[in-house]
């Protein structure tokens, strides 16, 4: 998989997030937002030459923060935090009985949209 393919997956999850937000499915929206950011982060790591056959969530968060935020200063610092925040929100949506509020889902959507757009600009050929 290359950066272009990872961005295509990010866009697919972002589209799902938009659809589920409109349908007032906040939990599903948050899950899709996280995966949009997950794949966009993989695209930026690929752009930097950091590749793995299969990414684990914790490994991705750590390597993205180290390579794209700290070492290369390719991304703003808040992007490193957003990966972790959206991962935690995804976990809450998946495993907690209380639903995620629409307010949190809208925030997650804004972050995911900014993150994916930024990744598209960074990885532009």
Protein backbone atom coordinates (compact mmCIF):
# COMPACT_ATOMS: atom_id res chain seq x y z
CA UNK A 1 0.00 0.00 0.00
CA UNK A 2 1.27 3.47 -0.84
CA UNK A 3 0.29 6.97 0.32
CA UNK A 4 -2.29 7.35 -2.46
CA UNK A 5 -4.07 4.14 -1.48
CA UNK A 6 -4.00 5.08 2.22
CA UNK A 7 -5.52 8.48 1.38
CA UNK A 8 -8.27 6.76 -0.61
CA UNK A 9 -9.15 4.72 2.49
CA UNK A 10 -9.05 7.88 4.62
CA UNK A 11 -11.48 9.56 2.21
CA UNK A 12 -13.77 6.53 2.32
CA UNK A 13 -13.95 6.65 6.12
CA UNK A 14 -14.42 10.43 6.06
CA UNK A 15 -17.38 10.00 3.72
CA UNK A 16 -18.85 7.39 6.07
CA UNK A 17 -18.35 9.79 8.99
CA UNK A 18 -20.25 12.54 7.18
CA UNK A 19 -23.13 10.23 6.31
CA UNK A 20 -23.43 8.86 9.84
CA UNK A 21 -23.25 12.35 11.38
CA UNK A 22 -26.16 13.48 9.19
CA UNK A 23 -28.04 10.32 10.20
CA UNK A 24 -27.42 11.22 13.88
CA UNK A 25 -25.37 8.08 14.43
CA UNK A 26 -22.75 9.75 16.64
CA UNK A 27 -20.99 6.58 17.81
CA UNK A 28 -20.50 5.34 14.26
CA UNK A 29 -19.42 8.80 13.14
CA UNK A 30 -16.68 8.90 15.79
CA UNK A 31 -15.43 5.46 14.82
CA UNK A 32 -15.26 6.47 11.15
CA UNK A 33 -13.52 9.76 12.05
CA UNK A 34 -10.80 7.88 13.87
CA UNK A 35 -10.23 5.53 10.95
CA UNK A 36 -10.10 8.46 8.51
CA UNK A 37 -7.31 9.96 10.63
CA UNK A 38 -5.65 6.54 11.05
CA UNK A 39 -5.33 6.09 7.28
CA UNK A 40 -4.36 9.73 6.66
CA UNK A 41 -1.57 9.35 9.24
CA UNK A 42 -0.38 6.19 7.47
CA UNK A 43 -0.32 8.14 4.19
CA UNK A 44 1.88 10.85 5.73
CA UNK A 45 4.18 8.25 7.27
CA UNK A 46 4.53 6.62 3.85
CA UNK A 47 5.32 10.03 2.40
CA UNK A 48 8.16 10.28 4.95
CA UNK A 49 9.42 6.83 4.01
CA UNK A 50 8.13 5.10 7.16
CA UNK A 51 6.33 1.94 6.11
CA UNK A 52 4.97 -1.11 7.88
CA UNK A 53 3.05 -4.02 6.49
CA UNK A 54 0.44 -3.76 9.26
CA UNK A 55 -0.03 -0.91 11.72
CA UNK A 56 -1.20 -1.32 15.31
CA UNK A 57 -3.01 1.64 16.83
CA UNK A 58 -0.42 2.38 19.51
CA UNK A 59 2.48 1.99 17.07
CA UNK A 60 0.84 4.38 14.63
CA UNK A 61 0.22 7.02 17.28
CA UNK A 62 3.82 6.79 18.50
CA UNK A 63 5.50 6.77 15.07
CA UNK A 64 3.28 9.53 13.69
CA UNK A 65 4.06 11.75 16.67
CA UNK A 66 7.77 11.00 16.48
CA UNK A 67 8.26 11.18 12.71
CA UNK A 68 5.64 13.60 11.36
CA UNK A 69 5.28 15.96 14.32
CA UNK A 70 8.55 16.02 16.26
CA UNK A 71 11.36 14.86 13.98
CA UNK A 72 10.31 16.23 10.59
CA UNK A 73 7.87 18.93 11.79
CA UNK A 74 5.64 18.00 8.88
CA UNK A 75 2.44 18.41 10.93
CA UNK A 76 1.21 20.74 13.65
CA UNK A 77 1.58 19.43 17.21
CA UNK A 78 -2.17 19.21 17.72
CA UNK A 79 -2.35 16.54 15.02
CA UNK A 80 -0.32 14.25 17.24
CA UNK A 81 -2.80 14.85 20.06
CA UNK A 82 -5.78 14.38 17.75
CA UNK A 83 -4.70 10.85 16.83
CA UNK A 84 -4.79 9.91 20.52
CA UNK A 85 -8.00 11.83 21.28
CA UNK A 86 -9.89 10.29 18.37
CA UNK A 87 -8.60 6.85 19.31
CA UNK A 88 -9.99 7.28 22.84
CA UNK A 89 -13.28 8.58 21.46
CA UNK A 90 -13.43 5.58 19.13
CA UNK A 91 -12.91 3.28 22.12
CA UNK A 92 -15.70 5.02 24.04
CA UNK A 93 -18.00 4.71 21.03
CA UNK A 94 -17.17 1.02 20.65
CA UNK A 95 -17.11 -0.18 24.23
CA UNK A 96 -19.01 2.21 26.51
CA UNK A 97 -22.77 1.81 26.90
CA UNK A 98 -23.46 5.56 26.85
CA UNK A 99 -23.70 7.05 23.38
CA UNK A 100 -21.33 9.79 22.26
CA UNK A 101 -23.04 13.18 22.12
CA UNK A 102 -23.65 14.85 18.79
CA UNK A 103 -21.46 17.74 20.00
CA UNK A 104 -18.44 15.42 20.38
CA UNK A 105 -19.19 13.77 17.04
CA UNK A 106 -19.23 17.17 15.30
CA UNK A 107 -15.87 18.05 16.90
CA UNK A 108 -14.43 14.71 15.78
CA UNK A 109 -15.74 15.38 12.27
CA UNK A 110 -14.03 18.80 12.10
CA UNK A 111 -10.73 17.32 13.28
CA UNK A 112 -10.92 14.42 10.83
CA UNK A 113 -11.74 16.73 7.92
CA UNK A 114 -8.81 19.03 8.73
CA UNK A 115 -6.44 16.09 9.23
CA UNK A 116 -7.37 14.35 5.97
CA UNK A 117 -7.24 17.60 3.99
CA UNK A 118 -3.80 18.35 5.40
CA UNK A 119 -2.60 14.84 4.52
CA UNK A 120 -3.84 15.28 0.95
CA UNK A 121 -1.86 18.50 0.65
CA UNK A 122 1.29 16.96 2.15
CA UNK A 123 1.15 13.84 -0.01
CA UNK A 124 0.32 15.67 -3.25
CA UNK A 125 2.71 14.45 -5.96
